[in-house]
PDB file of N, CA and C in Angstrom:
ATOM      1  N   MET A   1       7.297  19.316   8.342  1.00  0.00           N
ATOM      2  CA  MET A   1       7.816  18.119   7.726  1.00  0.00           C
ATOM      3  C   MET A   1       8.387  18.479   6.358  1.00  0.00           C
ATOM      4  N   THR A   2       9.598  18.080   6.060  1.00  0.00           N
ATOM      5  CA  THR A   2      10.183  18.367   4.755  1.00  0.00           C
ATOM      6  C   THR A   2       9.600  17.442   3.699  1.00  0.00           C
ATOM      7  N   GLU A   3       9.861  17.766   2.427  1.00  0.00           N
ATOM      8  CA  GLU A   3       9.285  17.015   1.313  1.00  0.00           C
ATOM      9  C   GLU A   3       9.590  15.520   1.384  1.00  0.00           C
ATOM     10  N   ARG A   4      10.794  15.108   1.729  1.00  0.00           N
ATOM     11  CA  ARG A   4      11.191  13.705   1.739  1.00  0.00           C
ATOM     12  C   ARG A   4      11.074  13.060   3.121  1.00  0.00           C
ATOM     13  N   GLN A   5      10.696  13.827   4.131  1.00  0.00           N
ATOM     14  CA  GLN A   5      10.573  13.291   5.471  1.00  0.00           C
ATOM     15  C   GLN A   5       9.360  12.367   5.528  1.00  0.00           C
ATOM     16  N   SER A   6       9.477  11.238   6.189  1.00  0.00           N
ATOM     17  CA  SER A   6       8.374  10.293   6.238  1.00  0.00           C
ATOM     18  C   SER A   6       7.380  10.657   7.332  1.00  0.00           C
ATOM     19  N   ALA A   7       6.161  10.144   7.169  1.00  0.00           N
ATOM     20  CA  ALA A   7       5.098  10.378   8.142  1.00  0.00           C
ATOM     21  C   ALA A   7       5.331   9.494   9.367  1.00  0.00           C
ATOM     22  N   PRO A   8       4.694   9.825  10.488  1.00  0.00           N
ATOM     23  CA  PRO A   8       4.813   8.976  11.683  1.00  0.00           C
ATOM     24  C   PRO A   8       4.394   7.533  11.368  1.00  0.00           C
ATOM     25  N   GLN A   9       5.035   6.554  11.988  1.00  0.00           N
ATOM     26  CA  GLN A   9       4.831   5.137  11.678  1.00  0.00           C
ATOM     27  C   GLN A   9       3.361   4.707  11.676  1.00  0.00           C
ATOM     28  N   PRO A  10       2.529   5.070  12.653  1.00  0.00           N
ATOM     29  CA  PRO A  10       1.127   4.616  12.589  1.00  0.00           C
ATOM     30  C   PRO A  10       0.413   5.076  11.307  1.00  0.00           C
ATOM     31  N   LEU A  11       0.793   6.215  10.765  1.00  0.00           N
ATOM     32  CA  LEU A  11       0.131   6.723   9.566  1.00  0.00           C
ATOM     33  C   LEU A  11       0.587   6.002   8.303  1.00  0.00           C
ATOM     34  N   VAL A  12       1.842   5.633   8.194  1.00  0.00           N
ATOM     35  CA  VAL A  12       2.332   5.009   6.973  1.00  0.00           C
ATOM     36  C   VAL A  12       1.759   3.608   6.760  1.00  0.00           C
ATOM     37  N   ASP A  13       1.185   3.010   7.797  1.00  0.00           N
ATOM     38  CA  ASP A  13       0.580   1.690   7.671  1.00  0.00           C
ATOM     39  C   ASP A  13      -0.877   1.748   7.197  1.00  0.00           C
ATOM     40  N   LEU A  14      -1.443   2.950   7.061  1.00  0.00           N
ATOM     41  CA  LEU A  14      -2.817   3.086   6.593  1.00  0.00           C
ATOM     42  C   LEU A  14      -2.900   2.804   5.098  1.00  0.00           C
ATOM     43  N   ASP A  15      -3.968   2.132   4.680  1.00  0.00           N
ATOM     44  CA  ASP A  15      -4.224   1.910   3.265  1.00  0.00           C
ATOM     45  C   ASP A  15      -4.991   3.097   2.701  1.00  0.00           C
ATOM     46  N   VAL A  16      -4.634   3.500   1.484  1.00  0.00           N
ATOM     47  CA  VAL A  16      -5.342   4.574   0.798  1.00  0.00           C
ATOM     48  C   VAL A  16      -5.716   4.089  -0.601  1.00  0.00           C
ATOM     49  N   SER A  17      -6.743   4.664  -1.158  1.00  0.00           N
ATOM     50  CA  SER A  17      -7.182   4.340  -2.506  1.00  0.00           C
ATOM     51  C   SER A  17      -6.333   5.110  -3.517  1.00  0.00           C
ATOM     52  N   VAL A  18      -5.754   4.401  -4.491  1.00  0.00           N
ATOM     53  CA  VAL A  18      -4.968   5.019  -5.550  1.00  0.00           C
ATOM     54  C   VAL A  18      -5.676   4.716  -6.865  1.00  0.00           C
ATOM     55  N   SER A  19      -6.067   5.773  -7.597  1.00  0.00           N
ATOM     56  CA  SER A  19      -6.796   5.612  -8.853  1.00  0.00           C
ATOM     57  C   SER A  19      -6.150   6.444  -9.943  1.00  0.00           C
ATOM     58  N   VAL A  20      -6.215   5.926 -11.164  1.00  0.00           N
ATOM     59  CA  VAL A  20      -5.796   6.660 -12.341  1.00  0.00           C
ATOM     60  C   VAL A  20      -7.031   6.793 -13.226  1.00  0.00           C
ATOM     61  N   VAL A  21      -7.350   8.027 -13.605  1.00  0.00           N
ATOM     62  CA  VAL A  21      -8.568   8.286 -14.362  1.00  0.00           C
ATOM     63  C   VAL A  21      -8.223   8.621 -15.807  1.00  0.00           C
ATOM     64  N   LEU A  22      -8.780   7.853 -16.706  1.00  0.00           N
ATOM     65  CA  LEU A  22      -8.592   8.063 -18.135  1.00  0.00           C
ATOM     66  C   LEU A  22      -9.310   9.326 -18.588  1.00  0.00           C
ATOM     67  N   ALA A  23     -10.585   9.436 -18.257  1.00  0.00           N
ATOM     68  CA  ALA A  23     -11.397  10.592 -18.634  1.00  0.00           C
ATOM     69  C   ALA A  23     -12.720  10.509 -17.884  1.00  0.00           C
ATOM     70  N   GLU A  24     -13.415  11.637 -17.821  1.00  0.00           N
ATOM     71  CA  GLU A  24     -14.721  11.680 -17.186  1.00  0.00           C
ATOM     72  C   GLU A  24     -15.658  12.508 -18.040  1.00  0.00           C
ATOM     73  N   LYS A  25     -16.932  12.234 -17.928  1.00  0.00           N
ATOM     74  CA  LYS A  25     -17.930  13.050 -18.606  1.00  0.00           C
ATOM     75  C   LYS A  25     -19.249  12.925 -17.873  1.00  0.00           C
ATOM     76  N   ILE A  26     -20.107  13.863 -18.101  1.00  0.00           N
ATOM     77  CA  ILE A  26     -21.468  13.822 -17.580  1.00  0.00           C
ATOM     78  C   ILE A  26     -22.352  13.249 -18.681  1.00  0.00           C
ATOM     79  N   ALA A  27     -23.167  12.272 -18.332  1.00  0.00           N
ATOM     80  CA  ALA A  27     -24.085  11.662 -19.280  1.00  0.00           C
ATOM     81  C   ALA A  27     -25.478  11.632 -18.670  1.00  0.00           C
ATOM     82  N   SER A  28     -26.464  11.723 -19.522  1.00  0.00           N
ATOM     83  CA  SER A  28     -27.835  11.637 -19.032  1.00  0.00           C
ATOM     84  C   SER A  28     -28.148  10.194 -18.649  1.00  0.00           C
ATOM     85  N   LEU A  29     -29.129  10.002 -17.818  1.00  0.00           N
ATOM     86  CA  LEU A  29     -29.546   8.659 -17.434  1.00  0.00           C
ATOM     87  C   LEU A  29     -29.974   7.883 -18.677  1.00  0.00           C
ATOM     88  N   GLU A  30     -30.621   8.555 -19.613  1.00  0.00           N
ATOM     89  CA  GLU A  30     -31.028   7.903 -20.856  1.00  0.00           C
ATOM     90  C   GLU A  30     -29.812   7.351 -21.601  1.00  0.00           C
ATOM     91  N   GLN A  31     -28.736   8.139 -21.694  1.00  0.00           N
ATOM     92  CA  GLN A  31     -27.519   7.678 -22.373  1.00  0.00           C
ATOM     93  C   GLN A  31     -26.908   6.478 -21.654  1.00  0.00           C
ATOM     94  N   VAL A  32     -26.908   6.506 -20.342  1.00  0.00           N
ATOM     95  CA  VAL A  32     -26.351   5.400 -19.561  1.00  0.00           C
ATOM     96  C   VAL A  32     -27.171   4.135 -19.776  1.00  0.00           C
ATOM     97  N   LEU A  33     -28.493   4.261 -19.788  1.00  0.00           N
ATOM     98  CA  LEU A  33     -29.363   3.095 -19.980  1.00  0.00           C
ATOM     99  C   LEU A  33     -29.230   2.494 -21.372  1.00  0.00           C
ATOM    100  N   GLU A  34     -28.762   3.268 -22.339  1.00  0.00           N
ATOM    101  CA  GLU A  34     -28.585   2.785 -23.708  1.00  0.00           C
ATOM    102  C   GLU A  34     -27.228   2.107 -23.929  1.00  0.00           C
ATOM    103  N   LEU A  35     -26.357   2.091 -22.930  1.00  0.00           N
ATOM    104  CA  LEU A  35     -25.032   1.471 -23.083  1.00  0.00           C
ATOM    105  C   LEU A  35     -25.171  -0.034 -23.301  1.00  0.00           C
ATOM    106  N   ARG A  36     -24.433  -0.531 -24.270  1.00  0.00           N
ATOM    107  CA  ARG A  36     -24.431  -1.949 -24.612  1.00  0.00           C
ATOM    108  C   ARG A  36     -23.002  -2.367 -24.937  1.00  0.00           C
ATOM    109  N   PRO A  37     -22.695  -3.665 -24.873  1.00  0.00           N
ATOM    110  CA  PRO A  37     -21.374  -4.116 -25.297  1.00  0.00           C
ATOM    111  C   PRO A  37     -21.085  -3.657 -26.728  1.00  0.00           C
ATOM    112  N   GLY A  38     -19.899  -3.133 -26.951  1.00  0.00           N
ATOM    113  CA  GLY A  38     -19.518  -2.628 -28.267  1.00  0.00           C
ATOM    114  C   GLY A  38     -19.767  -1.145 -28.442  1.00  0.00           C
ATOM    115  N   ALA A  39     -20.517  -0.531 -27.523  1.00  0.00           N
ATOM    116  CA  ALA A  39     -20.770   0.913 -27.607  1.00  0.00           C
ATOM    117  C   ALA A  39     -19.453   1.653 -27.369  1.00  0.00           C
ATOM    118  N   VAL A  40     -19.307   2.802 -27.984  1.00  0.00           N
ATOM    119  CA  VAL A  40     -18.098   3.613 -27.831  1.00  0.00           C
ATOM    120  C   VAL A  40     -18.484   4.934 -27.172  1.00  0.00           C
ATOM    121  N   LEU A  41     -17.807   5.263 -26.086  1.00  0.00           N
ATOM    122  CA  LEU A  41     -18.016   6.541 -25.410  1.00  0.00           C
ATOM    123  C   LEU A  41     -16.955   7.513 -25.891  1.00  0.00           C
ATOM    124  N   GLU A  42     -17.353   8.713 -26.243  1.00  0.00           N
ATOM    125  CA  GLU A  42     -16.402   9.737 -26.683  1.00  0.00           C
ATOM    126  C   GLU A  42     -16.209  10.746 -25.557  1.00  0.00           C
ATOM    127  N   PHE A  43     -14.944  11.090 -25.332  1.00  0.00           N
ATOM    128  CA  PHE A  43     -14.598  12.068 -24.306  1.00  0.00           C
ATOM    129  C   PHE A  43     -13.908  13.249 -24.961  1.00  0.00           C
ATOM    130  N   SER A  44     -13.893  14.378 -24.283  1.00  0.00           N
ATOM    131  CA  SER A  44     -13.262  15.571 -24.839  1.00  0.00           C
ATOM    132  C   SER A  44     -11.739  15.537 -24.716  1.00  0.00           C
ATOM    133  N   ARG A  45     -11.224  14.698 -23.853  1.00  0.00           N
ATOM    134  CA  ARG A  45      -9.774  14.597 -23.647  1.00  0.00           C
ATOM    135  C   ARG A  45      -9.123  13.897 -24.840  1.00  0.00           C
ATOM    136  N   ARG A  46      -7.973  14.431 -25.267  1.00  0.00           N
ATOM    137  CA  ARG A  46      -7.228  13.821 -26.372  1.00  0.00           C
ATOM    138  C   ARG A  46      -6.525  12.555 -25.872  1.00  0.00           C
ATOM    139  N   HIS A  47      -6.348  11.584 -26.760  1.00  0.00           N
ATOM    140  CA  HIS A  47      -5.796  10.294 -26.326  1.00  0.00           C
ATOM    141  C   HIS A  47      -4.360  10.387 -25.831  1.00  0.00           C
ATOM    142  N   GLU A  48      -3.604  11.406 -26.234  1.00  0.00           N
ATOM    143  CA  GLU A  48      -2.219  11.532 -25.767  1.00  0.00           C
ATOM    144  C   GLU A  48      -2.097  12.398 -24.506  1.00  0.00           C
ATOM    145  N   SER A  49      -3.206  12.901 -24.018  1.00  0.00           N
ATOM    146  CA  SER A  49      -3.193  13.734 -22.805  1.00  0.00           C
ATOM    147  C   SER A  49      -2.782  12.915 -21.583  1.00  0.00           C
ATOM    148  N   PRO A  50      -2.121  13.552 -20.612  1.00  0.00           N
ATOM    149  CA  PRO A  50      -1.775  12.829 -19.384  1.00  0.00           C
ATOM    150  C   PRO A  50      -3.030  12.370 -18.652  1.00  0.00           C
ATOM    151  N   LEU A  51      -2.883  11.264 -17.936  1.00  0.00           N
ATOM    152  CA  LEU A  51      -3.967  10.733 -17.117  1.00  0.00           C
ATOM    153  C   LEU A  51      -3.873  11.348 -15.720  1.00  0.00           C
ATOM    154  N   ASP A  52      -4.989  11.384 -15.018  1.00  0.00           N
ATOM    155  CA  ASP A  52      -5.042  11.995 -13.692  1.00  0.00           C
ATOM    156  C   ASP A  52      -4.851  10.952 -12.598  1.00  0.00           C
ATOM    157  N   LEU A  53      -4.029  11.280 -11.609  1.00  0.00           N
ATOM    158  CA  LEU A  53      -3.765  10.432 -10.451  1.00  0.00           C
ATOM    159  C   LEU A  53      -4.547  10.963  -9.258  1.00  0.00           C
ATOM    160  N   TYR A  54      -5.298  10.077  -8.617  1.00  0.00           N
ATOM    161  CA  TYR A  54      -6.091  10.438  -7.437  1.00  0.00           C
ATOM    162  C   TYR A  54      -5.661   9.581  -6.251  1.00  0.00           C
ATOM    163  N   ILE A  55      -5.561  10.183  -5.087  1.00  0.00           N
ATOM    164  CA  ILE A  55      -5.345   9.470  -3.836  1.00  0.00           C
ATOM    165  C   ILE A  55      -6.551   9.773  -2.958  1.00  0.00           C
ATOM    166  N   ASN A  56      -7.246   8.721  -2.541  1.00  0.00           N
ATOM    167  CA  ASN A  56      -8.482   8.880  -1.762  1.00  0.00           C
ATOM    168  C   ASN A  56      -9.429   9.883  -2.416  1.00  0.00           C
ATOM    169  N   HIS A  57      -9.615   9.745  -3.709  1.00  0.00           N
ATOM    170  CA  HIS A  57     -10.566  10.543  -4.500  1.00  0.00           C
ATOM    171  C   HIS A  57     -10.175  12.012  -4.631  1.00  0.00           C
ATOM    172  N   SER A  58      -8.961  12.362  -4.271  1.00  0.00           N
ATOM    173  CA  SER A  58      -8.471  13.732  -4.425  1.00  0.00           C
ATOM    174  C   SER A  58      -7.385  13.754  -5.495  1.00  0.00           C
ATOM    175  N   PRO A  59      -7.472  14.694  -6.466  1.00  0.00           N
ATOM    176  CA  PRO A  59      -6.446  14.753  -7.506  1.00  0.00           C
ATOM    177  C   PRO A  59      -5.109  15.202  -6.932  1.00  0.00           C
ATOM    178  N   VAL A  60      -4.047  14.445  -7.261  1.00  0.00           N
ATOM    179  CA  VAL A  60      -2.720  14.780  -6.735  1.00  0.00           C
ATOM    180  C   VAL A  60      -1.652  14.861  -7.811  1.00  0.00           C
ATOM    181  N   GLY A  61      -1.933  14.400  -9.029  1.00  0.00           N
ATOM    182  CA  GLY A  61      -0.900  14.437 -10.051  1.00  0.00           C
ATOM    183  C   GLY A  61      -1.374  13.940 -11.393  1.00  0.00           C
ATOM    184  N   GLN A  62      -0.411  13.811 -12.302  1.00  0.00           N
ATOM    185  CA  GLN A  62      -0.683  13.327 -13.648  1.00  0.00           C
ATOM    186  C   GLN A  62       0.463  12.457 -14.125  1.00  0.00           C
ATOM    187  N   GLY A  63       0.190  11.649 -15.132  1.00  0.00           N
ATOM    188  CA  GLY A  63       1.209  10.794 -15.700  1.00  0.00           C
ATOM    189  C   GLY A  63       0.679  10.051 -16.902  1.00  0.00           C
ATOM    190  N   HIS A  64       1.365   8.957 -17.236  1.00  0.00           N
ATOM    191  CA  HIS A  64       1.037   8.203 -18.444  1.00  0.00           C
ATOM    192  C   HIS A  64       1.027   6.711 -18.151  1.00  0.00           C
ATOM    193  N   ALA A  65       0.157   5.990 -18.844  1.00  0.00           N
ATOM    194  CA  ALA A  65       0.116   4.535 -18.738  1.00  0.00           C
ATOM    195  C   ALA A  65       1.367   3.946 -19.362  1.00  0.00           C
ATOM    196  N   VAL A  66       1.909   2.902 -18.737  1.00  0.00           N
ATOM    197  CA  VAL A  66       3.086   2.205 -19.245  1.00  0.00           C
ATOM    198  C   VAL A  66       2.876   0.704 -19.080  1.00  0.00           C
ATOM    199  N   ASP A  67       3.577  -0.064 -19.898  1.00  0.00           N
ATOM    200  CA  ASP A  67       3.570  -1.516 -19.763  1.00  0.00           C
ATOM    201  C   ASP A  67       4.666  -1.925 -18.803  1.00  0.00           C
ATOM    202  N   ILE A  68       4.339  -2.805 -17.869  1.00  0.00           N
ATOM    203  CA  ILE A  68       5.325  -3.413 -16.977  1.00  0.00           C
ATOM    204  C   ILE A  68       5.162  -4.917 -17.183  1.00  0.00           C
ATOM    205  N   GLY A  69       5.891  -5.440 -18.160  1.00  0.00           N
ATOM    206  CA  GLY A  69       5.698  -6.835 -18.547  1.00  0.00           C
ATOM    207  C   GLY A  69       4.297  -7.008 -19.102  1.00  0.00           C
ATOM    208  N   GLU A  70       3.537  -7.894 -18.494  1.00  0.00           N
ATOM    209  CA  GLU A  70       2.154  -8.147 -18.909  1.00  0.00           C
ATOM    210  C   GLU A  70       1.149  -7.301 -18.131  1.00  0.00           C
ATOM    211  N   ARG A  71       1.650  -6.412 -17.282  1.00  0.00           N
ATOM    212  CA  ARG A  71       0.759  -5.642 -16.416  1.00  0.00           C
ATOM    213  C   ARG A  71       0.757  -4.170 -16.805  1.00  0.00           C
ATOM    214  N   LEU A  72      -0.276  -3.486 -16.378  1.00  0.00           N
ATOM    215  CA  LEU A  72      -0.416  -2.058 -16.612  1.00  0.00           C
ATOM    216  C   LEU A  72       0.254  -1.294 -15.487  1.00  0.00           C
ATOM    217  N   GLY A  73       0.999  -0.250 -15.831  1.00  0.00           N
ATOM    218  CA  GLY A  73       1.631   0.600 -14.837  1.00  0.00           C
ATOM    219  C   GLY A  73       1.302   2.049 -15.108  1.00  0.00           C
ATOM    220  N   PHE A  74       1.777   2.912 -14.251  1.00  0.00           N
ATOM    221  CA  PHE A  74       1.517   4.341 -14.365  1.00  0.00           C
ATOM    222  C   PHE A  74       2.794   5.084 -14.025  1.00  0.00           C
ATOM    223  N   GLU A  75       3.330   5.829 -14.982  1.00  0.00           N
ATOM    224  CA  GLU A  75       4.528   6.627 -14.764  1.00  0.00           C
ATOM    225  C   GLU A  75       4.112   8.035 -14.369  1.00  0.00           C
ATOM    226  N   ILE A  76       4.469   8.446 -13.179  1.00  0.00           N
ATOM    227  CA  ILE A  76       4.085   9.753 -12.656  1.00  0.00           C
ATOM    228  C   ILE A  76       4.961  10.828 -13.279  1.00  0.00           C
ATOM    229  N   ALA A  77       4.314  11.814 -13.874  1.00  0.00           N
ATOM    230  CA  ALA A  77       5.029  12.927 -14.487  1.00  0.00           C
ATOM    231  C   ALA A  77       5.002  14.158 -13.595  1.00  0.00           C
ATOM    232  N   GLU A  78       3.962  14.269 -12.788  1.00  0.00           N
ATOM    233  CA  GLU A  78       3.791  15.458 -11.945  1.00  0.00           C
ATOM    234  C   GLU A  78       2.992  15.089 -10.703  1.00  0.00           C
ATOM    235  N   VAL A  79       3.441  15.570  -9.547  1.00  0.00           N
ATOM    236  CA  VAL A  79       2.715  15.388  -8.290  1.00  0.00           C
ATOM    237  C   VAL A  79       2.557  16.753  -7.654  1.00  0.00           C
ATOM    238  N   ASP A  80       1.320  17.154  -7.429  1.00  0.00           N
ATOM    239  CA  ASP A  80       1.026  18.459  -6.824  1.00  0.00           C
ATOM    240  C   ASP A  80       1.799  19.591  -7.488  1.00  0.00           C
ATOM    241  N   GLY A  81       1.875  19.573  -8.817  1.00  0.00           N
ATOM    242  CA  GLY A  81       2.535  20.643  -9.548  1.00  0.00           C
ATOM    243  C   GLY A  81       4.040  20.504  -9.661  1.00  0.00           C
ATOM    244  N   ARG A  82       4.632  19.468  -9.029  1.00  0.00           N
ATOM    245  CA  ARG A  82       6.083  19.250  -9.107  1.00  0.00           C
ATOM    246  C   ARG A  82       6.367  18.199 -10.169  1.00  0.00           C
ATOM    247  N   GLU A  83       7.171  18.556 -11.158  1.00  0.00           N
ATOM    248  CA  GLU A  83       7.545  17.617 -12.208  1.00  0.00           C
ATOM    249  C   GLU A  83       8.818  16.892 -11.821  1.00  0.00           C
ATOM    250  N   GLY A  84       8.990  15.692 -12.353  1.00  0.00           N
ATOM    251  CA  GLY A  84      10.203  14.938 -12.082  1.00  0.00           C
ATOM    252  C   GLY A  84      10.094  13.553 -12.673  1.00  0.00           C
ATOM    253  N   THR A  85      11.096  12.733 -12.403  1.00  0.00           N
ATOM    254  CA  THR A  85      11.083  11.365 -12.910  1.00  0.00           C
ATOM    255  C   THR A  85      11.083  10.408 -11.750  1.00  0.00           C
ATOM    256  N   SER A  86      10.452   9.270 -11.953  1.00  0.00           N
ATOM    257  CA  SER A  86      10.357   8.256 -10.927  1.00  0.00           C
ATOM    258  C   SER A  86      11.484   7.247 -11.083  1.00  0.00           C
ATOM    259  N   PRO A  87      12.010   6.716  -9.977  1.00  0.00           N
ATOM    260  CA  PRO A  87      13.053   5.704 -10.073  1.00  0.00           C
ATOM    261  C   PRO A  87      12.511   4.346 -10.481  1.00  0.00           C
ATOM    262  N   GLY A  88      11.197   4.168 -10.562  1.00  0.00           N
ATOM    263  CA  GLY A  88      10.603   2.883 -10.922  1.00  0.00           C
ATOM    264  C   GLY A  88       9.291   2.701 -10.202  1.00  0.00           C
ATOM    265  N   PRO A  89       8.709   1.489 -10.280  1.00  0.00           N
ATOM    266  CA  PRO A  89       7.418   1.248  -9.653  1.00  0.00           C
ATOM    267  C   PRO A  89       7.469   1.489  -8.146  1.00  0.00           C
ATOM    268  N   LEU A  90       6.482   2.230  -7.650  1.00  0.00           N
ATOM    269  CA  LEU A  90       6.398   2.503  -6.218  1.00  0.00           C
ATOM    270  C   LEU A  90       5.404   1.575  -5.542  1.00  0.00           C
ATOM    271  N   LEU A  91       4.361   1.189  -6.265  1.00  0.00           N
ATOM    272  CA  LEU A  91       3.326   0.315  -5.711  1.00  0.00           C
ATOM    273  C   LEU A  91       3.247  -0.934  -6.560  1.00  0.00           C
ATOM    274  N   SER A  92       3.026  -2.064  -5.932  1.00  0.00           N
ATOM    275  CA  SER A  92       2.834  -3.292  -6.711  1.00  0.00           C
ATOM    276  C   SER A  92       1.712  -4.097  -6.129  1.00  0.00           C
TER     277      SER A  92
END
């Protein structure tokens, strides 16, 4: 199958989980139990770093958060190591 070739029709109708991850860290149970409203979690990732894109819990790319009117969007910068630009929102 070439890069732009579509999958067989029964497969394209399947729903998949699409997630964008800001950051992750390991915390002790004690730290988790101490979480309260107003608490601030610190991560090692810098705030300008690209966010990670996951499909069905598997990492597939990176990009940046964008505003789409009053809604949050995600501009894909890289998919499986391939960089490029998106023509616009793919999922709504």
